[in-house]
Amino acid sequence: LKAIGTGVEDFETLVLEIVRRHVPQFDEDAVTRRLSRGGRYLAVTATFVAESRRQLDALYQELSAHERVVMLL
């Protein structure tokens, strides 16, 4: 899962809080981050194995509904 958003200072924390709600066994070592060239956006990639389609859909729904998430892959 890759979330791209604004507010680079705390965007990673925001994304990881939401991921942890849906994936309790999430390993924080499976996170990468990349700042955009202009420094305006941060891409946070969280790698995990989904337990079900329902779990994945709920996670995507919550992340995509957040105002600071610009793109979700």
C-alpha atoms as a PDB file:
ATOM      1  CA  LEU A   1       0.000   0.000   0.000  1.00  0.00           C
ATOM      2  CA  LYS A   2       1.343   3.424  -0.889  1.00  0.00           C
ATOM      3  CA  ALA A   3      -0.213   6.631   0.404  1.00  0.00           C
ATOM      4  CA  ILE A   4       0.894  10.003  -0.906  1.00  0.00           C
ATOM      5  CA  GLY A   5      -0.077  13.095   0.998  1.00  0.00           C
ATOM      6  CA  THR A   6       0.598  16.519   2.391  1.00  0.00           C
ATOM      7  CA  GLY A   7       1.935  17.719   5.709  1.00  0.00           C
ATOM      8  CA  VAL A   8       5.200  15.836   5.463  1.00  0.00           C
ATOM      9  CA  GLU A   9       6.061  16.492   9.123  1.00  0.00           C
ATOM     10  CA  ASP A  10       3.472  14.037  10.456  1.00  0.00           C
ATOM     11  CA  PHE A  11       1.952  12.335   7.410  1.00  0.00           C
ATOM     12  CA  GLU A  12       3.800   9.079   8.052  1.00  0.00           C
ATOM     13  CA  THR A  13       2.445   8.945  11.621  1.00  0.00           C
ATOM     14  CA  LEU A  14      -1.083   9.537  10.343  1.00  0.00           C
ATOM     15  CA  VAL A  15      -0.846   6.752   7.766  1.00  0.00           C
ATOM     16  CA  LEU A  16       0.667   4.270  10.218  1.00  0.00           C
ATOM     17  CA  GLU A  17      -2.026   4.957  12.831  1.00  0.00           C
ATOM     18  CA  ILE A  18      -4.698   4.097  10.279  1.00  0.00           C
ATOM     19  CA  VAL A  19      -2.832   1.024   9.029  1.00  0.00           C
ATOM     20  CA  ARG A  20      -2.399  -0.256  12.612  1.00  0.00           C
ATOM     21  CA  ARG A  21      -6.167   0.007  13.207  1.00  0.00           C
ATOM     22  CA  HIS A  22      -6.774  -2.413  10.340  1.00  0.00           C
ATOM     23  CA  VAL A  23      -3.609  -4.532  10.535  1.00  0.00           C
ATOM     24  CA  PRO A  24      -2.862  -5.055  14.257  1.00  0.00           C
ATOM     25  CA  GLN A  25       0.179  -7.276  13.593  1.00  0.00           C
ATOM     26  CA  PHE A  26       1.744  -4.666  11.290  1.00  0.00           C
ATOM     27  CA  ASP A  27       5.554  -4.624  11.387  1.00  0.00           C
ATOM     28  CA  GLU A  28       6.879  -1.062  11.339  1.00  0.00           C
ATOM     29  CA  ASP A  29      10.117  -2.277   9.754  1.00  0.00           C
ATOM     30  CA  ALA A  30       8.086  -2.805   6.577  1.00  0.00           C
ATOM     31  CA  VAL A  31       7.694   0.945   5.944  1.00  0.00           C
ATOM     32  CA  THR A  32       9.521   3.090   3.428  1.00  0.00           C
ATOM     33  CA  ARG A  33       9.112   6.776   2.797  1.00  0.00           C
ATOM     34  CA  ARG A  34      10.046   9.110  -0.021  1.00  0.00           C
ATOM     35  CA  LEU A  35       9.816  12.879  -0.132  1.00  0.00           C
ATOM     36  CA  SER A  36       8.776  14.515  -3.401  1.00  0.00           C
ATOM     37  CA  ARG A  37      11.365  16.498  -5.310  1.00  0.00           C
ATOM     38  CA  GLY A  38       9.820  19.796  -4.208  1.00  0.00           C
ATOM     39  CA  GLY A  39       9.398  18.609  -0.625  1.00  0.00           C
ATOM     40  CA  ARG A  40       5.658  19.170  -0.654  1.00  0.00           C
ATOM     41  CA  TYR A  41       4.454  15.556  -0.609  1.00  0.00           C
ATOM     42  CA  LEU A  42       5.484  12.410   1.203  1.00  0.00           C
ATOM     43  CA  ALA A  43       4.929   8.877  -0.110  1.00  0.00           C
ATOM     44  CA  VAL A  44       4.613   6.244   2.613  1.00  0.00           C
ATOM     45  CA  THR A  45       4.723   2.591   1.557  1.00  0.00           C
ATOM     46  CA  ALA A  46       3.536  -0.019   4.044  1.00  0.00           C
ATOM     47  CA  THR A  47       4.064  -3.667   3.140  1.00  0.00           C
ATOM     48  CA  PHE A  48       1.898  -6.312   4.796  1.00  0.00           C
ATOM     49  CA  VAL A  49      -0.131  -9.422   4.024  1.00  0.00           C
ATOM     50  CA  ALA A  50      -3.869  -8.745   4.104  1.00  0.00           C
ATOM     51  CA  GLU A  51      -6.005 -11.318   5.881  1.00  0.00           C
ATOM     52  CA  SER A  52      -9.057 -10.663   3.737  1.00  0.00           C
ATOM     53  CA  ARG A  53     -10.483  -8.501   0.996  1.00  0.00           C
ATOM     54  CA  ARG A  54     -12.772  -6.953   3.601  1.00  0.00           C
ATOM     55  CA  GLN A  55      -9.776  -5.860   5.703  1.00  0.00           C
ATOM     56  CA  LEU A  56      -8.071  -4.323   2.678  1.00  0.00           C
ATOM     57  CA  ASP A  57     -11.229  -2.542   1.526  1.00  0.00           C
ATOM     58  CA  ALA A  58     -11.799  -1.042   4.978  1.00  0.00           C
ATOM     59  CA  LEU A  59      -8.209   0.200   5.124  1.00  0.00           C
ATOM     60  CA  TYR A  60      -8.379   1.739   1.655  1.00  0.00           C
ATOM     61  CA  GLN A  61     -11.723   3.355   2.454  1.00  0.00           C
ATOM     62  CA  GLU A  62     -10.449   5.019   5.625  1.00  0.00           C
ATOM     63  CA  LEU A  63      -7.231   6.232   4.015  1.00  0.00           C
ATOM     64  CA  SER A  64      -8.868   7.506   0.835  1.00  0.00           C
ATOM     65  CA  ALA A  65     -11.457   9.422   2.877  1.00  0.00           C
ATOM     66  CA  HIS A  66      -8.770  11.364   4.744  1.00  0.00           C
ATOM     67  CA  GLU A  67      -8.343  14.920   3.479  1.00  0.00           C
ATOM     68  CA  ARG A  68      -4.536  14.804   3.553  1.00  0.00           C
ATOM     69  CA  VAL A  69      -4.250  11.703   1.370  1.00  0.00           C
ATOM     70  CA  VAL A  70      -3.785  12.895  -2.191  1.00  0.00           C
ATOM     71  CA  MET A  71      -3.273   9.502  -3.833  1.00  0.00           C
ATOM     72  CA  LEU A  72      -3.530   5.888  -2.731  1.00  0.00           C
ATOM     73  CA  LEU A  73      -2.011   2.964  -4.578  1.00  0.00           C
END
